[in-house]
N, C-alpha and C. Protein backbone atom coordinates (compact mmCIF):
# COMPACT_ATOMS: atom_id res chain seq x y z
N MET A 1 0.85 -1.20 0.02
CA MET A 1 -0.01 -0.04 -0.01
C MET A 1 0.87 1.24 -0.01
N ASN A 2 0.81 1.99 -1.13
CA ASN A 2 1.63 3.22 -1.18
C ASN A 2 0.70 4.42 -0.80
N ILE A 3 0.79 4.78 0.50
CA ILE A 3 -0.07 5.78 1.04
C ILE A 3 0.11 7.19 0.35
N ALA A 4 1.37 7.54 0.14
CA ALA A 4 1.62 8.86 -0.45
C ALA A 4 1.03 8.91 -1.91
N LEU A 5 1.24 7.76 -2.65
CA LEU A 5 0.70 7.75 -3.99
C LEU A 5 -0.87 7.77 -4.06
N ASN A 6 -1.44 7.05 -3.10
CA ASN A 6 -2.95 7.11 -2.99
C ASN A 6 -3.38 8.53 -2.72
N PHE A 7 -2.65 9.18 -1.77
CA PHE A 7 -3.09 10.55 -1.43
C PHE A 7 -2.98 11.46 -2.60
N ARG A 8 -1.88 11.36 -3.35
CA ARG A 8 -1.68 12.17 -4.53
C ARG A 8 -2.78 12.00 -5.59
N SER A 9 -3.19 10.73 -5.71
CA SER A 9 -4.19 10.46 -6.72
C SER A 9 -5.57 11.03 -6.34
N VAL A 10 -5.94 11.00 -5.06
CA VAL A 10 -7.11 11.68 -4.59
C VAL A 10 -7.07 13.18 -4.76
N ILE A 11 -5.99 13.80 -4.34
CA ILE A 11 -5.83 15.25 -4.47
C ILE A 11 -5.87 15.68 -5.89
N ALA A 12 -5.28 14.89 -6.75
CA ALA A 12 -5.21 15.33 -8.22
C ALA A 12 -6.54 15.43 -8.88
N GLU A 13 -7.55 14.72 -8.42
CA GLU A 13 -8.83 14.78 -9.05
C GLU A 13 -9.85 15.70 -8.37
N LEU A 14 -9.39 16.44 -7.33
CA LEU A 14 -10.32 17.31 -6.62
C LEU A 14 -10.38 18.71 -7.28
N PRO A 15 -11.58 19.23 -7.46
CA PRO A 15 -11.71 20.61 -7.84
C PRO A 15 -11.14 21.56 -6.83
N ALA A 16 -10.72 22.71 -7.26
CA ALA A 16 -10.04 23.67 -6.34
C ALA A 16 -10.86 24.01 -5.14
N HIS A 17 -12.18 24.07 -5.28
CA HIS A 17 -13.04 24.50 -4.18
C HIS A 17 -13.33 23.41 -3.11
N VAL A 18 -12.91 22.17 -3.41
CA VAL A 18 -13.14 21.09 -2.45
C VAL A 18 -12.03 20.76 -1.57
N LYS A 19 -12.29 20.79 -0.28
CA LYS A 19 -11.25 20.49 0.74
C LYS A 19 -11.28 19.02 1.13
N LEU A 20 -10.05 18.46 1.20
CA LEU A 20 -9.91 17.07 1.67
C LEU A 20 -9.65 16.98 3.14
N VAL A 21 -10.51 16.25 3.89
CA VAL A 21 -10.24 15.88 5.27
C VAL A 21 -9.78 14.43 5.22
N THR A 22 -8.46 14.19 5.56
CA THR A 22 -7.99 12.85 5.58
C THR A 22 -8.40 12.18 6.83
N ILE A 23 -9.15 11.09 6.77
CA ILE A 23 -9.62 10.43 7.96
C ILE A 23 -8.62 9.40 8.39
N SER A 24 -8.02 9.70 9.55
CA SER A 24 -6.86 8.83 10.04
C SER A 24 -7.20 7.94 11.18
N LYS A 25 -8.52 7.73 11.38
CA LYS A 25 -8.96 6.90 12.56
C LYS A 25 -8.34 5.48 12.44
N THR A 26 -7.88 5.00 13.60
CA THR A 26 -7.22 3.68 13.76
C THR A 26 -5.84 3.63 13.11
N LYS A 27 -5.41 4.63 12.41
CA LYS A 27 -4.12 4.57 11.73
C LYS A 27 -2.97 5.01 12.59
N PRO A 28 -1.82 4.34 12.47
CA PRO A 28 -0.63 4.69 13.29
C PRO A 28 0.01 5.97 12.90
N MET A 29 0.78 6.56 13.81
CA MET A 29 1.36 7.84 13.60
C MET A 29 2.22 7.88 12.30
N GLU A 30 2.94 6.81 12.07
CA GLU A 30 3.87 6.80 10.95
C GLU A 30 3.14 6.90 9.60
N GLU A 31 1.98 6.29 9.53
CA GLU A 31 1.20 6.36 8.30
C GLU A 31 0.60 7.76 8.13
N ILE A 32 0.15 8.33 9.21
CA ILE A 32 -0.35 9.70 9.12
C ILE A 32 0.79 10.66 8.64
N MET A 33 1.99 10.48 9.17
CA MET A 33 3.10 11.24 8.80
C MET A 33 3.48 11.12 7.34
N GLU A 34 3.19 9.95 6.73
CA GLU A 34 3.41 9.86 5.29
C GLU A 34 2.55 10.88 4.54
N VAL A 35 1.34 11.07 4.93
CA VAL A 35 0.43 12.07 4.27
C VAL A 35 0.92 13.46 4.63
N TYR A 36 1.26 13.66 5.90
CA TYR A 36 1.80 14.92 6.41
C TYR A 36 2.95 15.41 5.52
N GLN A 37 3.84 14.47 5.31
CA GLN A 37 5.06 14.86 4.58
C GLN A 37 4.79 15.18 3.05
N GLU A 38 3.57 14.88 2.65
CA GLU A 38 3.13 15.32 1.34
C GLU A 38 2.65 16.77 1.31
N GLY A 39 2.66 17.34 2.46
CA GLY A 39 2.26 18.76 2.63
C GLY A 39 0.81 18.92 3.11
N HIS A 40 0.17 17.79 3.41
CA HIS A 40 -1.27 17.89 3.82
C HIS A 40 -1.32 18.15 5.32
N ARG A 41 -2.33 18.90 5.75
CA ARG A 41 -2.41 19.30 7.09
C ARG A 41 -3.79 19.13 7.77
N ILE A 42 -4.76 18.54 7.02
CA ILE A 42 -6.14 18.47 7.49
C ILE A 42 -6.40 16.97 7.77
N PHE A 43 -6.64 16.61 9.02
CA PHE A 43 -6.98 15.24 9.36
C PHE A 43 -8.16 15.16 10.28
N GLY A 44 -8.91 14.09 10.14
CA GLY A 44 -10.11 13.88 10.95
C GLY A 44 -10.14 12.61 11.68
N GLU A 45 -10.72 12.65 12.86
CA GLU A 45 -10.88 11.50 13.72
C GLU A 45 -12.28 11.36 14.20
N ASN A 46 -12.71 10.11 14.55
CA ASN A 46 -14.09 9.97 15.02
C ASN A 46 -14.28 9.55 16.47
N LYS A 47 -13.10 9.42 17.17
CA LYS A 47 -13.17 9.17 18.61
C LYS A 47 -12.37 10.14 19.38
N VAL A 48 -12.92 10.67 20.45
CA VAL A 48 -12.27 11.72 21.16
C VAL A 48 -10.93 11.27 21.77
N GLN A 49 -10.82 10.14 22.31
CA GLN A 49 -9.62 9.65 22.97
C GLN A 49 -8.45 9.56 21.96
N GLU A 50 -8.79 9.05 20.76
CA GLU A 50 -7.81 8.89 19.74
C GLU A 50 -7.37 10.29 19.17
N LEU A 51 -8.37 11.16 19.04
CA LEU A 51 -8.06 12.52 18.53
C LEU A 51 -7.13 13.22 19.53
N VAL A 52 -7.40 13.13 20.75
CA VAL A 52 -6.57 13.85 21.73
C VAL A 52 -5.14 13.22 21.78
N ARG A 53 -5.01 11.96 21.68
CA ARG A 53 -3.74 11.27 21.68
C ARG A 53 -2.90 11.68 20.43
N LYS A 54 -3.53 11.79 19.31
CA LYS A 54 -2.81 12.14 18.12
C LYS A 54 -2.46 13.62 18.07
N PHE A 55 -3.35 14.44 18.62
CA PHE A 55 -2.98 15.86 18.72
C PHE A 55 -1.77 16.05 19.57
N GLU A 56 -1.68 15.31 20.61
CA GLU A 56 -0.55 15.42 21.62
C GLU A 56 0.78 15.00 20.95
N GLN A 57 0.69 13.97 20.10
CA GLN A 57 1.90 13.31 19.55
C GLN A 57 2.34 13.79 18.15
N LEU A 58 1.44 14.43 17.43
CA LEU A 58 1.80 14.80 16.08
C LEU A 58 2.05 16.30 15.94
N PRO A 59 2.61 16.73 14.85
CA PRO A 59 2.94 18.16 14.69
C PRO A 59 1.79 19.11 15.00
N LYS A 60 2.04 20.25 15.56
CA LYS A 60 1.04 21.16 16.07
C LYS A 60 0.41 22.03 14.97
N ASP A 61 0.94 21.93 13.74
CA ASP A 61 0.30 22.67 12.62
C ASP A 61 -0.78 21.89 11.92
N ILE A 62 -1.05 20.70 12.39
CA ILE A 62 -2.20 19.93 11.86
C ILE A 62 -3.55 20.52 12.24
N GLU A 63 -4.46 20.59 11.31
CA GLU A 63 -5.77 21.10 11.57
C GLU A 63 -6.72 19.92 11.80
N TRP A 64 -7.09 19.75 13.04
CA TRP A 64 -7.85 18.48 13.45
C TRP A 64 -9.39 18.72 13.32
N HIS A 65 -10.05 17.72 12.74
CA HIS A 65 -11.46 17.74 12.60
C HIS A 65 -12.13 16.54 13.40
N MET A 66 -13.14 16.87 14.10
CA MET A 66 -13.86 15.75 14.79
C MET A 66 -15.03 15.37 13.89
N VAL A 67 -15.06 14.20 13.41
CA VAL A 67 -16.11 13.75 12.42
C VAL A 67 -17.06 12.73 12.98
N GLY A 68 -16.77 12.17 14.09
CA GLY A 68 -17.63 11.10 14.65
C GLY A 68 -18.64 11.67 15.68
N HIS A 69 -19.52 10.79 16.05
CA HIS A 69 -20.49 11.15 17.11
C HIS A 69 -19.87 11.64 18.33
N LEU A 70 -20.28 12.80 18.85
CA LEU A 70 -19.64 13.42 19.97
C LEU A 70 -20.60 13.50 21.18
N GLN A 71 -20.15 12.96 22.30
CA GLN A 71 -20.95 13.08 23.52
C GLN A 71 -20.66 14.35 24.25
N SER A 72 -21.65 14.98 24.89
CA SER A 72 -21.42 16.22 25.53
C SER A 72 -20.35 16.23 26.63
N ASN A 73 -20.27 15.06 27.33
CA ASN A 73 -19.30 14.97 28.46
C ASN A 73 -17.82 14.88 27.96
N LYS A 74 -17.64 14.72 26.68
CA LYS A 74 -16.32 14.53 26.14
C LYS A 74 -15.83 15.85 25.34
N VAL A 75 -16.75 16.83 25.27
CA VAL A 75 -16.49 18.04 24.51
C VAL A 75 -15.27 18.76 25.04
N LYS A 76 -15.16 18.85 26.38
CA LYS A 76 -14.07 19.62 27.02
C LYS A 76 -12.68 19.18 26.57
N TYR A 77 -12.54 17.92 26.16
CA TYR A 77 -11.22 17.43 25.85
C TYR A 77 -10.71 17.90 24.50
N ILE A 78 -11.62 18.20 23.61
CA ILE A 78 -11.20 18.62 22.20
C ILE A 78 -11.31 20.07 21.94
N VAL A 79 -12.16 20.81 22.74
CA VAL A 79 -12.41 22.25 22.41
C VAL A 79 -11.08 23.03 22.45
N PRO A 80 -10.08 22.71 23.31
CA PRO A 80 -8.84 23.56 23.29
C PRO A 80 -8.11 23.59 21.99
N PHE A 81 -8.32 22.65 21.10
CA PHE A 81 -7.49 22.56 19.94
C PHE A 81 -8.21 22.26 18.61
N VAL A 82 -9.42 21.68 18.67
CA VAL A 82 -10.11 21.21 17.48
C VAL A 82 -10.38 22.39 16.50
N HIS A 83 -10.24 22.16 15.19
CA HIS A 83 -10.54 23.21 14.22
C HIS A 83 -12.01 23.23 13.78
N LEU A 84 -12.55 22.02 13.54
CA LEU A 84 -13.95 21.95 13.03
C LEU A 84 -14.59 20.69 13.64
N ILE A 85 -15.79 20.81 14.15
CA ILE A 85 -16.59 19.68 14.61
C ILE A 85 -17.76 19.46 13.61
N HIS A 86 -17.68 18.28 12.92
CA HIS A 86 -18.61 18.05 11.80
C HIS A 86 -19.95 17.55 12.33
N SER A 87 -20.03 17.02 13.49
CA SER A 87 -21.12 16.11 13.92
C SER A 87 -21.97 16.66 15.07
N VAL A 88 -22.37 17.89 14.92
CA VAL A 88 -23.29 18.48 15.93
C VAL A 88 -24.70 18.10 15.58
N ASP A 89 -25.37 17.29 16.49
CA ASP A 89 -26.65 16.79 16.16
C ASP A 89 -27.74 17.17 17.18
N SER A 90 -27.43 18.20 17.99
CA SER A 90 -28.47 18.64 18.92
C SER A 90 -28.09 20.02 19.42
N LEU A 91 -29.07 20.79 19.91
CA LEU A 91 -28.87 22.11 20.50
C LEU A 91 -28.07 21.97 21.82
N ASN A 92 -28.38 20.90 22.54
CA ASN A 92 -27.68 20.66 23.82
C ASN A 92 -26.20 20.48 23.62
N LEU A 93 -25.82 19.77 22.57
CA LEU A 93 -24.42 19.55 22.27
C LEU A 93 -23.76 20.86 21.81
N LEU A 94 -24.41 21.63 20.99
CA LEU A 94 -23.93 22.93 20.60
C LEU A 94 -23.72 23.87 21.79
N GLN A 95 -24.69 23.83 22.72
CA GLN A 95 -24.50 24.71 23.91
C GLN A 95 -23.37 24.27 24.79
N GLU A 96 -23.09 22.94 24.91
CA GLU A 96 -21.97 22.47 25.60
C GLU A 96 -20.61 22.86 24.96
N ILE A 97 -20.61 22.79 23.62
CA ILE A 97 -19.35 23.26 22.89
C ILE A 97 -19.16 24.68 23.18
N ASN A 98 -20.22 25.47 23.12
CA ASN A 98 -20.14 26.96 23.37
C ASN A 98 -19.64 27.19 24.82
N LYS A 99 -20.15 26.49 25.76
CA LYS A 99 -19.72 26.59 27.16
C LYS A 99 -18.26 26.38 27.34
N GLN A 100 -17.76 25.25 26.74
CA GLN A 100 -16.34 24.93 26.84
C GLN A 100 -15.45 25.92 26.07
N ALA A 101 -16.05 26.38 24.96
CA ALA A 101 -15.31 27.36 24.11
C ALA A 101 -15.05 28.69 24.86
N ILE A 102 -16.06 29.14 25.63
CA ILE A 102 -15.93 30.34 26.43
C ILE A 102 -14.81 30.10 27.47
N LYS A 103 -14.76 28.96 28.07
CA LYS A 103 -13.73 28.70 29.09
C LYS A 103 -12.31 28.77 28.46
N CYS A 104 -12.27 28.35 27.21
CA CYS A 104 -10.93 28.33 26.52
C CYS A 104 -10.66 29.63 25.70
N ASN A 105 -11.63 30.51 25.76
CA ASN A 105 -11.50 31.77 25.00
C ASN A 105 -11.28 31.50 23.48
N ARG A 106 -12.00 30.54 22.93
CA ARG A 106 -11.95 30.19 21.55
C ARG A 106 -13.33 30.29 20.92
N ILE A 107 -13.27 30.49 19.56
CA ILE A 107 -14.48 30.33 18.70
C ILE A 107 -14.37 29.03 18.01
N ILE A 108 -15.44 28.17 18.09
CA ILE A 108 -15.33 26.80 17.55
C ILE A 108 -16.17 26.72 16.30
N ASN A 109 -15.56 26.30 15.24
CA ASN A 109 -16.34 26.09 14.00
C ASN A 109 -17.05 24.76 14.04
N CYS A 110 -18.36 24.81 13.72
CA CYS A 110 -19.19 23.63 13.78
C CYS A 110 -20.05 23.39 12.52
N LEU A 111 -20.35 22.13 12.25
CA LEU A 111 -21.34 21.79 11.18
C LEU A 111 -22.50 21.06 11.82
N LEU A 112 -23.64 21.31 11.39
CA LEU A 112 -24.85 20.52 11.85
C LEU A 112 -24.90 19.25 11.01
N GLU A 113 -24.99 18.11 11.72
CA GLU A 113 -25.12 16.81 11.04
C GLU A 113 -26.62 16.57 10.68
N VAL A 114 -26.90 16.26 9.42
CA VAL A 114 -28.21 16.09 8.89
C VAL A 114 -28.39 14.62 8.54
N HIS A 115 -29.42 13.96 9.04
CA HIS A 115 -29.67 12.58 8.73
C HIS A 115 -30.33 12.49 7.32
N ILE A 116 -29.59 11.98 6.38
CA ILE A 116 -30.12 11.87 4.97
C ILE A 116 -30.20 10.42 4.54
N ALA A 117 -29.59 9.50 5.27
CA ALA A 117 -29.54 8.12 4.84
C ALA A 117 -30.77 7.34 5.32
N GLU A 118 -30.98 6.19 4.74
CA GLU A 118 -32.05 5.35 5.11
C GLU A 118 -31.74 4.59 6.37
N GLU A 119 -30.49 4.43 6.69
CA GLU A 119 -30.09 3.64 7.87
C GLU A 119 -30.43 4.44 9.14
N GLU A 120 -31.13 3.79 10.00
CA GLU A 120 -31.52 4.44 11.29
C GLU A 120 -30.31 4.55 12.23
N THR A 121 -29.25 3.79 12.00
CA THR A 121 -28.10 3.78 12.88
C THR A 121 -27.33 5.08 12.76
N LYS A 122 -27.46 5.78 11.67
CA LYS A 122 -26.74 7.08 11.54
C LYS A 122 -27.37 8.13 12.29
N PHE A 123 -26.51 9.06 12.82
CA PHE A 123 -27.06 10.19 13.64
C PHE A 123 -27.42 11.37 12.71
N GLY A 124 -28.06 12.36 13.33
CA GLY A 124 -28.30 13.60 12.61
C GLY A 124 -29.69 14.11 12.76
N LEU A 125 -29.84 15.43 12.44
CA LEU A 125 -31.08 16.08 12.50
C LEU A 125 -31.92 15.92 11.19
N ASP A 126 -33.23 16.04 11.30
CA ASP A 126 -33.94 16.09 10.01
C ASP A 126 -34.08 17.58 9.68
N ASP A 127 -34.62 17.85 8.48
CA ASP A 127 -34.73 19.24 7.99
C ASP A 127 -35.44 20.12 8.98
N GLU A 128 -36.61 19.66 9.48
CA GLU A 128 -37.36 20.53 10.39
C GLU A 128 -36.56 20.84 11.69
N GLU A 129 -35.85 19.85 12.18
CA GLU A 129 -35.05 20.06 13.41
C GLU A 129 -33.86 21.03 13.15
N VAL A 130 -33.37 21.04 11.92
CA VAL A 130 -32.26 21.97 11.56
C VAL A 130 -32.78 23.40 11.66
N TYR A 131 -33.95 23.64 11.07
CA TYR A 131 -34.57 24.98 11.09
C TYR A 131 -34.93 25.39 12.51
N LYS A 132 -35.50 24.46 13.23
CA LYS A 132 -35.92 24.76 14.66
C LYS A 132 -34.60 25.15 15.48
N LEU A 133 -33.54 24.41 15.26
CA LEU A 133 -32.35 24.75 16.04
C LEU A 133 -31.85 26.09 15.73
N ILE A 134 -31.75 26.39 14.41
CA ILE A 134 -31.19 27.67 13.98
C ILE A 134 -32.03 28.87 14.41
N GLU A 135 -33.36 28.69 14.54
CA GLU A 135 -34.23 29.69 14.88
C GLU A 135 -34.42 29.86 16.39
N SER A 136 -33.83 28.97 17.17
CA SER A 136 -33.95 28.96 18.65
C SER A 136 -33.13 30.08 19.25
N GLN A 137 -33.61 30.54 20.39
CA GLN A 137 -32.84 31.54 21.20
C GLN A 137 -31.56 30.84 21.74
N GLY A 138 -31.64 29.60 22.03
CA GLY A 138 -30.44 28.92 22.52
C GLY A 138 -29.26 28.94 21.56
N PHE A 139 -29.62 28.75 20.21
CA PHE A 139 -28.53 28.89 19.23
C PHE A 139 -28.06 30.32 19.11
N LYS A 140 -28.96 31.28 19.17
CA LYS A 140 -28.57 32.64 18.95
C LYS A 140 -27.67 33.09 20.12
N ASP A 141 -27.83 32.48 21.31
CA ASP A 141 -26.98 32.79 22.47
C ASP A 141 -25.60 32.17 22.48
N CYS A 142 -25.35 31.33 21.50
CA CYS A 142 -24.04 30.59 21.39
C CYS A 142 -22.98 31.55 20.79
N SER A 143 -22.47 32.41 21.69
CA SER A 143 -21.56 33.49 21.21
C SER A 143 -20.20 32.98 20.73
N ASN A 144 -19.79 31.80 21.14
CA ASN A 144 -18.48 31.29 20.80
C ASN A 144 -18.56 30.16 19.76
N ILE A 145 -19.60 30.14 18.98
CA ILE A 145 -19.81 29.15 17.91
C ILE A 145 -19.86 29.87 16.55
N HIS A 146 -19.13 29.31 15.59
CA HIS A 146 -19.28 29.74 14.20
C HIS A 146 -19.97 28.56 13.47
N LEU A 147 -21.19 28.72 13.09
CA LEU A 147 -21.89 27.59 12.29
C LEU A 147 -21.38 27.76 10.86
N ALA A 148 -20.61 26.76 10.44
CA ALA A 148 -19.89 26.82 9.17
C ALA A 148 -20.65 26.08 8.05
N GLY A 149 -21.66 25.34 8.36
CA GLY A 149 -22.40 24.65 7.32
C GLY A 149 -22.99 23.37 7.79
N LEU A 150 -23.10 22.39 6.90
CA LEU A 150 -23.83 21.14 7.16
C LEU A 150 -22.92 19.93 6.86
N MET A 151 -23.22 18.77 7.47
CA MET A 151 -22.56 17.55 7.18
C MET A 151 -23.65 16.45 7.06
N GLY A 152 -23.40 15.47 6.19
CA GLY A 152 -24.25 14.31 6.09
C GLY A 152 -23.56 13.14 5.53
N MET A 153 -24.12 11.94 5.80
CA MET A 153 -23.60 10.67 5.28
C MET A 153 -24.73 9.98 4.51
N ALA A 154 -24.46 9.59 3.29
CA ALA A 154 -25.45 8.88 2.48
C ALA A 154 -25.53 7.43 2.88
N THR A 155 -26.60 6.80 2.47
CA THR A 155 -26.77 5.33 2.77
C THR A 155 -25.63 4.57 2.16
N TYR A 156 -25.21 3.58 2.86
CA TYR A 156 -24.12 2.68 2.39
C TYR A 156 -24.77 1.61 1.46
N THR A 157 -24.72 1.94 0.17
CA THR A 157 -25.40 1.11 -0.80
C THR A 157 -24.70 1.24 -2.17
N GLU A 158 -24.90 0.29 -3.02
CA GLU A 158 -24.35 0.39 -4.41
C GLU A 158 -25.35 1.10 -5.33
N ASN A 159 -26.45 1.52 -4.81
CA ASN A 159 -27.47 2.21 -5.66
C ASN A 159 -27.03 3.70 -5.82
N ILE A 160 -26.44 3.93 -6.89
CA ILE A 160 -25.83 5.35 -7.10
C ILE A 160 -26.99 6.37 -7.11
N ASP A 161 -28.13 6.00 -7.70
CA ASP A 161 -29.19 6.97 -7.81
C ASP A 161 -29.71 7.41 -6.40
N GLN A 162 -29.66 6.47 -5.49
CA GLN A 162 -30.14 6.75 -4.10
C GLN A 162 -29.12 7.65 -3.43
N ILE A 163 -27.82 7.33 -3.62
CA ILE A 163 -26.74 8.16 -3.02
C ILE A 163 -26.88 9.58 -3.59
N ARG A 164 -27.04 9.69 -4.84
CA ARG A 164 -27.12 11.01 -5.52
C ARG A 164 -28.34 11.80 -5.02
N LYS A 165 -29.44 11.08 -4.86
CA LYS A 165 -30.70 11.72 -4.33
C LYS A 165 -30.42 12.31 -2.92
N GLU A 166 -29.79 11.53 -2.10
CA GLU A 166 -29.57 11.95 -0.69
C GLU A 166 -28.61 13.09 -0.66
N PHE A 167 -27.56 13.11 -1.38
CA PHE A 167 -26.64 14.25 -1.46
C PHE A 167 -27.30 15.49 -2.03
N ASN A 168 -28.09 15.26 -3.09
CA ASN A 168 -28.83 16.41 -3.67
C ASN A 168 -29.78 17.05 -2.62
N HIS A 169 -30.43 16.27 -1.89
CA HIS A 169 -31.29 16.74 -0.85
C HIS A 169 -30.58 17.59 0.14
N LEU A 170 -29.38 17.14 0.59
CA LEU A 170 -28.60 17.89 1.56
C LEU A 170 -28.06 19.22 0.91
N HIS A 171 -27.69 19.14 -0.35
CA HIS A 171 -27.24 20.36 -0.99
C HIS A 171 -28.38 21.40 -1.08
N GLU A 172 -29.57 20.92 -1.41
CA GLU A 172 -30.75 21.84 -1.46
C GLU A 172 -31.00 22.51 -0.13
N LEU A 173 -30.93 21.66 0.91
CA LEU A 173 -31.13 22.24 2.25
C LEU A 173 -30.08 23.25 2.58
N PHE A 174 -28.86 22.98 2.29
CA PHE A 174 -27.71 23.86 2.48
C PHE A 174 -27.95 25.20 1.80
N MET A 175 -28.33 25.13 0.54
CA MET A 175 -28.55 26.34 -0.31
C MET A 175 -29.73 27.18 0.18
N ASN A 176 -30.74 26.42 0.68
CA ASN A 176 -31.96 27.14 1.16
C ASN A 176 -31.56 27.90 2.45
N LEU A 177 -30.80 27.24 3.32
CA LEU A 177 -30.38 27.91 4.54
C LEU A 177 -29.43 29.10 4.28
N LYS A 178 -28.59 28.91 3.29
CA LYS A 178 -27.70 29.94 3.00
C LYS A 178 -28.45 31.19 2.44
N LYS A 179 -29.58 30.93 1.70
CA LYS A 179 -30.32 32.00 1.15
C LYS A 179 -31.27 32.68 2.16
N THR A 180 -31.85 31.86 3.04
CA THR A 180 -32.88 32.40 3.92
C THR A 180 -32.40 32.75 5.32
N LYS A 181 -31.36 32.10 5.82
CA LYS A 181 -30.93 32.31 7.18
C LYS A 181 -29.51 32.87 7.32
N PHE A 182 -28.68 32.63 6.30
CA PHE A 182 -27.25 33.06 6.36
C PHE A 182 -26.86 33.92 5.17
N SER A 183 -27.78 34.64 4.58
CA SER A 183 -27.46 35.44 3.41
C SER A 183 -26.36 36.51 3.63
N ASP A 184 -26.25 36.97 4.85
CA ASP A 184 -25.25 37.93 5.19
C ASP A 184 -24.12 37.38 6.04
N ASN A 185 -24.00 36.08 5.97
CA ASN A 185 -22.93 35.38 6.77
C ASN A 185 -22.06 34.55 5.90
N ASP A 186 -20.86 35.04 5.60
CA ASP A 186 -19.92 34.32 4.71
C ASP A 186 -19.30 33.06 5.39
N GLU A 187 -19.46 32.98 6.74
CA GLU A 187 -18.89 31.82 7.39
C GLU A 187 -19.67 30.54 7.20
N PHE A 188 -20.94 30.67 6.74
CA PHE A 188 -21.75 29.52 6.47
C PHE A 188 -21.44 29.10 5.01
N LYS A 189 -20.44 28.20 4.86
CA LYS A 189 -19.95 28.01 3.47
C LYS A 189 -19.52 26.51 3.24
N ASP A 190 -19.55 25.68 4.26
CA ASP A 190 -19.06 24.33 4.14
C ASP A 190 -20.16 23.26 4.03
N LEU A 191 -20.07 22.40 3.03
CA LEU A 191 -20.92 21.24 2.93
C LEU A 191 -20.12 19.99 2.87
N SER A 192 -20.04 19.33 4.04
CA SER A 192 -19.20 18.17 4.25
C SER A 192 -19.99 16.93 3.92
N MET A 193 -19.81 16.37 2.71
CA MET A 193 -20.41 15.14 2.29
C MET A 193 -19.58 14.38 1.28
N GLY A 194 -19.50 13.06 1.44
CA GLY A 194 -18.68 12.26 0.56
C GLY A 194 -17.52 11.62 1.29
N MET A 195 -17.50 10.28 1.18
CA MET A 195 -16.38 9.54 1.80
C MET A 195 -15.72 8.73 0.71
N SER A 196 -14.85 7.76 1.11
CA SER A 196 -14.02 7.06 0.11
C SER A 196 -14.90 6.44 -0.98
N SER A 197 -16.04 5.88 -0.68
CA SER A 197 -16.88 5.19 -1.56
C SER A 197 -17.75 6.00 -2.51
N ASP A 198 -17.96 7.28 -2.02
CA ASP A 198 -19.02 8.02 -2.80
C ASP A 198 -18.62 9.51 -2.98
N TYR A 199 -17.35 9.87 -2.68
CA TYR A 199 -17.00 11.32 -2.75
C TYR A 199 -17.15 11.94 -4.14
N LYS A 200 -16.95 11.17 -5.16
CA LYS A 200 -17.06 11.68 -6.47
C LYS A 200 -18.53 12.11 -6.82
N ILE A 201 -19.49 11.33 -6.37
CA ILE A 201 -20.90 11.71 -6.49
C ILE A 201 -21.18 12.93 -5.67
N ALA A 202 -20.65 12.92 -4.43
CA ALA A 202 -20.87 14.08 -3.57
C ALA A 202 -20.36 15.38 -4.16
N ILE A 203 -19.19 15.35 -4.77
CA ILE A 203 -18.65 16.58 -5.39
C ILE A 203 -19.55 17.00 -6.54
N GLU A 204 -20.07 16.01 -7.36
CA GLU A 204 -21.00 16.40 -8.41
C GLU A 204 -22.32 17.07 -7.87
N GLU A 205 -22.65 16.67 -6.64
CA GLU A 205 -23.89 17.20 -6.02
C GLU A 205 -23.64 18.42 -5.15
N GLY A 206 -22.45 19.01 -5.16
CA GLY A 206 -22.22 20.22 -4.47
C GLY A 206 -21.36 20.26 -3.25
N SER A 207 -20.73 19.12 -2.91
CA SER A 207 -19.91 19.06 -1.73
C SER A 207 -18.74 19.98 -1.83
N THR A 208 -18.41 20.62 -0.73
CA THR A 208 -17.18 21.40 -0.63
C THR A 208 -16.11 20.84 0.27
N MET A 209 -16.41 19.69 0.88
CA MET A 209 -15.49 19.11 1.82
C MET A 209 -15.74 17.62 1.86
N ILE A 210 -14.69 16.83 1.58
CA ILE A 210 -14.92 15.30 1.60
C ILE A 210 -14.08 14.75 2.64
N ARG A 211 -14.53 13.59 3.16
CA ARG A 211 -13.81 12.91 4.28
C ARG A 211 -13.37 11.54 3.79
N VAL A 212 -12.07 11.44 3.57
CA VAL A 212 -11.51 10.20 2.81
C VAL A 212 -10.47 9.54 3.72
N GLY A 213 -10.67 8.30 3.98
CA GLY A 213 -9.73 7.51 4.74
C GLY A 213 -9.24 6.28 4.06
N SER A 214 -10.04 5.25 3.81
CA SER A 214 -9.59 3.99 3.31
C SER A 214 -9.07 4.13 1.83
N LYS A 215 -9.56 5.08 1.08
CA LYS A 215 -9.01 5.30 -0.25
C LYS A 215 -7.50 5.67 -0.16
N ILE A 216 -7.08 6.25 0.91
CA ILE A 216 -5.68 6.68 1.06
C ILE A 216 -4.90 5.68 1.87
N PHE A 217 -5.41 5.21 3.06
CA PHE A 217 -4.72 4.40 3.98
C PHE A 217 -4.99 2.90 3.72
N GLY A 218 -5.94 2.53 3.00
CA GLY A 218 -6.40 1.17 3.00
C GLY A 218 -7.41 0.92 4.01
N GLU A 219 -7.93 -0.32 4.20
CA GLU A 219 -8.96 -0.64 5.11
C GLU A 219 -8.57 -0.34 6.54
N ARG A 220 -9.51 -0.09 7.35
CA ARG A 220 -9.33 0.31 8.79
C ARG A 220 -8.62 -0.77 9.61
N ASN A 221 -7.78 -0.33 10.52
CA ASN A 221 -7.21 -1.25 11.48
C ASN A 221 -8.09 -1.24 12.71
N TYR A 222 -8.45 -2.39 13.22
CA TYR A 222 -9.34 -2.42 14.34
C TYR A 222 -8.67 -2.51 15.72
N ASN A 223 -7.34 -2.71 15.63
CA ASN A 223 -6.55 -2.68 16.89
C ASN A 223 -5.37 -1.75 16.77
N PRO A 224 -5.58 -0.46 16.75
CA PRO A 224 -4.53 0.50 16.42
C PRO A 224 -3.47 0.49 17.56
């Protein structure tokens, strides 16, 4: 497995407006450093403990993204350094991030996770809940939050039409919010959708940020 070559092949086919978040979950430090040495600085993790450990051990110019489900009681461990949290799926979680951000004197970039897949196991808000959250006083009181956009995961299926439909739905929601709720807010600009198996479809449907791991590192290690 030539990690550097895989990384270059993914980067080479990305449009200029699409940002790559390299998902390094379960991967050892030396493999992450292979991508780092290619000049890449944006990495994502889905577990808090692993994210903290890698932040402590790897170069400090890495931009760390939290992409997995986040429990409120673990927010305090990542707020001091995290660049973007992709997986905000409730107002309570957003308020806890804001609370910890105030303590650290930081502004935290966040994405709202939207449930677009058929699988019930995936997390996320539905469209109505997204609007309700954004219109709530609780959200408006989150002074140390920058809401940067939306994130979603399509159904894990070989049905390309279904994947495209789900990504298209998320893009439409994103554009409607941008037009009706964030028309004067340039910070609302990120649409995080697309992983190793479906990022090309996601880009065609309007993604500005893809989350790719196995396409670069190979299949996941379950005992890192």
